[in-house]
Amino acid sequence: MKRPLKILFHSAAAGSLLLLVVAIGLWGGSYASEYEFRRATNKNAQNIVIARGQLALHLLDETANLEASHAPRTAWRWEKRPVTNFVQTLPNVYSQSRPPFAGFFFGRNRWDRTTTTMILFPMPLFALLLALLPVGELLLYRRRRLRSRRRSGGLCAVCGYDLRATPQKCPECGATPPPAHPNSSPSLF
């Protein structure tokens, strides 16, 4: 990989690992308490609710023509409250939608000038998605370390065959070792 891509991948993996730790903490705590993160303006609202091992995204949009300059912006706020089973209320609110299946749900309702959307999925799936980048980073690190160890021991970096007799090319897999770094050769100056 090119250096900027490596830095980007490492940063994304570190951020994903941090989010994974937070998500696992919220997932574990969601059986005792309900966590809600919300943001609202005059025209719309976004809620993220974590309760009973479920992650719900609730979006509310009002289609009234309000001027953007009059719509106050609010920051995200969070609230912790006693746990409720909001999955039981979904058929009442989203009567046109299918009932939740295997922890997944998508519903949309329109009232007057307001549209509300609810997306529900299990926290284990969210944690699994967040774990993909850190696991990929771990596998790449392990692979780099194994190849480095093989090269330093005089073995083929690809298959591990002993290259002391044929250092130019591996007789087992046909791989050629990379040239030595210029910094490793003795300097004339």
Protein backbone atom coordinates (compact mmCIF):
# COMPACT_ATOMS: atom_id res chain seq x y z
CA MET A 1 0.00 0.00 0.00
CA LYS A 2 1.06 3.56 -0.54
CA ARG A 3 1.97 5.48 2.60
CA PRO A 4 -1.09 7.84 2.68
CA LEU A 5 -3.42 4.86 2.22
CA LYS A 6 -1.66 3.02 5.04
CA ILE A 7 -2.08 6.01 7.33
CA LEU A 8 -5.74 6.32 6.36
CA PHE A 9 -6.34 2.59 6.94
CA HIS A 10 -4.56 2.65 10.33
CA SER A 11 -6.55 5.72 11.39
CA ALA A 12 -9.85 4.21 10.26
CA ALA A 13 -9.06 0.95 12.07
CA ALA A 14 -8.17 2.84 15.28
CA GLY A 15 -11.37 4.92 15.07
CA SER A 16 -13.42 1.81 14.38
CA LEU A 17 -11.84 0.07 17.38
CA LEU A 18 -12.71 3.03 19.60
CA LEU A 19 -16.31 3.03 18.35
CA LEU A 20 -16.44 -0.75 18.87
CA VAL A 21 -15.46 -0.37 22.53
CA VAL A 22 -18.12 2.32 23.03
CA ALA A 23 -20.75 0.24 21.18
CA ILE A 24 -20.02 -2.85 23.29
CA GLY A 25 -20.32 -0.77 26.46
CA LEU A 26 -23.64 0.70 25.32
CA TRP A 27 -24.84 -2.73 24.19
CA GLY A 28 -24.11 -4.24 27.60
CA GLY A 29 -25.70 -1.33 29.42
CA SER A 30 -28.77 -1.28 27.17
CA TYR A 31 -30.36 -4.16 29.07
CA ALA A 32 -30.46 -2.07 32.27
CA SER A 33 -30.99 1.42 30.80
CA GLU A 34 -32.11 3.03 27.57
CA TYR A 35 -29.74 5.47 25.89
CA GLU A 36 -30.97 8.16 23.52
CA PHE A 37 -28.86 10.55 21.45
CA ARG A 38 -30.88 13.25 19.75
CA ARG A 39 -30.60 16.39 17.69
CA ALA A 40 -33.48 18.60 16.57
CA THR A 41 -34.15 21.75 14.56
CA ASN A 42 -37.42 23.43 13.53
CA LYS A 43 -37.64 21.21 10.44
CA ASN A 44 -36.23 17.83 11.45
CA ALA A 45 -35.02 15.61 14.25
CA GLN A 46 -32.69 12.63 14.49
CA ASN A 47 -32.76 10.16 17.35
CA ILE A 48 -30.47 7.21 18.00
CA VAL A 49 -31.91 4.92 20.67
CA ILE A 50 -30.11 1.91 22.15
CA ALA A 51 -32.25 -0.38 24.30
CA ARG A 52 -32.43 -4.12 24.95
CA GLY A 53 -29.63 -4.92 22.50
CA GLN A 54 -31.29 -3.00 19.65
CA LEU A 55 -30.10 0.10 17.81
CA ALA A 56 -32.87 2.32 16.44
CA LEU A 57 -32.45 5.27 14.11
CA HIS A 58 -35.48 7.54 14.14
CA LEU A 59 -35.69 10.39 11.63
CA LEU A 60 -38.43 13.01 11.59
CA ASP A 61 -38.72 15.48 8.69
CA GLU A 62 -41.23 18.27 8.35
CA THR A 63 -41.85 19.44 4.79
CA ALA A 64 -43.19 22.87 5.72
CA ASN A 65 -41.33 25.67 3.96
CA LEU A 66 -39.51 27.35 6.81
CA GLU A 67 -36.67 29.74 6.10
CA ALA A 68 -33.29 28.19 6.89
CA SER A 69 -32.16 31.33 8.75
CA HIS A 70 -35.01 30.91 11.28
CA ALA A 71 -34.26 27.24 12.02
CA PRO A 72 -32.10 27.12 15.16
CA ARG A 73 -29.42 24.43 15.18
CA THR A 74 -29.02 22.35 18.30
CA ALA A 75 -26.14 20.10 19.24
CA TRP A 76 -26.45 16.41 19.89
CA ARG A 77 -27.76 15.62 23.39
CA TRP A 78 -27.91 12.34 25.17
CA GLU A 79 -30.19 10.96 27.83
CA LYS A 80 -30.15 7.84 29.96
CA ARG A 81 -33.50 6.58 31.24
CA PRO A 82 -35.17 3.38 32.45
CA VAL A 83 -35.33 0.68 29.81
CA THR A 84 -38.52 0.34 27.75
CA ASN A 85 -39.52 -2.11 25.08
CA PHE A 86 -40.11 0.23 22.14
CA VAL A 87 -40.25 -2.74 19.74
CA GLN A 88 -43.74 -3.51 21.07
CA THR A 89 -44.96 -0.02 20.08
CA LEU A 90 -43.73 -0.28 16.47
CA PRO A 91 -46.87 -1.99 15.05
CA ASN A 92 -49.05 0.79 16.53
CA VAL A 93 -46.97 3.67 15.18
CA TYR A 94 -45.96 2.07 11.86
CA SER A 95 -49.12 0.15 11.04
CA GLN A 96 -48.39 0.08 7.28
CA SER A 97 -45.00 -1.61 7.75
CA ARG A 98 -44.10 -5.24 8.27
CA PRO A 99 -43.43 -6.33 11.87
CA PRO A 100 -39.81 -6.61 13.06
CA PHE A 101 -38.07 -9.77 11.89
CA ALA A 102 -34.86 -11.13 13.50
CA GLY A 103 -34.21 -7.74 15.09
CA PHE A 104 -34.53 -5.80 11.80
CA PHE A 105 -37.22 -3.26 11.01
CA PHE A 106 -37.82 -0.44 8.55
CA GLY A 107 -40.92 1.73 8.79
CA ARG A 108 -42.07 5.02 7.35
CA ASN A 109 -45.20 7.03 8.15
CA ARG A 110 -46.54 10.31 6.83
CA TRP A 111 -48.83 12.60 8.80
CA ASP A 112 -50.01 15.92 7.52
CA ARG A 113 -46.66 17.56 6.60
CA THR A 114 -44.40 15.26 8.60
CA THR A 115 -42.53 12.12 7.59
CA THR A 116 -41.11 9.80 10.24
CA THR A 117 -38.73 6.94 9.50
CA MET A 118 -37.53 4.19 11.86
CA ILE A 119 -34.66 1.80 11.15
CA LEU A 120 -33.99 -0.91 13.73
CA PHE A 121 -31.20 -3.48 13.80
CA PRO A 122 -29.47 -5.62 16.43
CA MET A 123 -26.42 -4.28 18.26
CA PRO A 124 -24.41 -7.50 17.64
CA LEU A 125 -24.54 -6.75 13.90
CA PHE A 126 -23.41 -3.17 14.53
CA ALA A 127 -20.52 -4.43 16.69
CA LEU A 128 -19.56 -6.97 14.02
CA LEU A 129 -19.44 -4.27 11.34
CA LEU A 130 -17.28 -2.07 13.57
CA ALA A 131 -14.92 -5.01 14.22
CA LEU A 132 -14.12 -5.60 10.53
CA LEU A 133 -11.43 -2.91 10.17
CA PRO A 134 -9.56 -3.72 13.42
CA VAL A 135 -9.56 -7.44 12.55
CA GLY A 136 -8.26 -6.63 9.06
CA GLU A 137 -5.55 -4.47 10.61
CA LEU A 138 -4.58 -7.30 12.96
CA LEU A 139 -4.37 -9.82 10.11
CA LEU A 140 -2.22 -7.48 7.99
CA TYR A 141 0.07 -6.80 10.96
CA ARG A 142 0.45 -10.53 11.59
CA ARG A 143 1.24 -11.14 7.92
CA ARG A 144 3.87 -8.36 7.83
CA ARG A 145 5.48 -9.66 10.99
CA LEU A 146 5.61 -13.25 9.71
CA ARG A 147 7.21 -12.15 6.42
CA SER A 148 9.73 -9.97 8.25
CA ARG A 149 10.66 -12.85 10.56
CA ARG A 150 11.09 -15.19 7.59
CA ARG A 151 13.29 -12.71 5.70
CA SER A 152 15.53 -12.07 8.70
CA GLY A 153 15.96 -15.85 9.21
CA GLY A 154 17.07 -16.44 5.60
CA LEU A 155 13.74 -17.99 4.60
CA CYS A 156 11.43 -17.25 1.69
CA ALA A 157 8.91 -14.59 2.78
CA VAL A 158 6.11 -16.30 0.84
CA CYS A 159 6.43 -20.02 1.65
CA GLY A 160 9.09 -20.20 4.39
CA TYR A 161 11.58 -22.35 2.36
CA ASP A 162 15.26 -22.15 3.39
CA LEU A 163 17.07 -19.84 0.93
CA ARG A 164 20.66 -20.27 2.14
CA ALA A 165 21.60 -22.35 -0.91
CA THR A 166 19.67 -20.26 -3.48
CA PRO A 167 19.32 -16.66 -2.22
CA GLN A 168 18.31 -15.24 -5.64
CA LYS A 169 15.09 -17.23 -6.13
CA CYS A 170 13.02 -19.64 -4.05
CA PRO A 171 13.11 -23.14 -5.63
CA GLU A 172 9.86 -24.05 -3.87
CA CYS A 173 7.49 -21.25 -4.97
CA GLY A 174 9.55 -19.21 -7.47
CA ALA A 175 9.40 -15.96 -5.49
CA THR A 176 12.36 -13.60 -5.69
CA PRO A 177 13.36 -11.81 -2.51
CA PRO A 178 13.12 -8.00 -2.62
CA PRO A 179 16.38 -6.08 -2.95
CA ALA A 180 18.03 -5.01 0.28
CA HIS A 181 17.33 -1.50 1.51
CA PRO A 182 19.96 1.06 0.50
CA ASN A 183 20.33 2.00 4.18
CA SER A 184 21.38 -1.54 5.10
CA SER A 185 24.46 -1.58 2.79
CA PRO A 186 27.69 -0.08 4.08
CA SER A 187 28.20 3.49 3.01
CA LEU A 188 31.33 4.67 1.24
CA PHE A 189 31.04 8.18 2.66
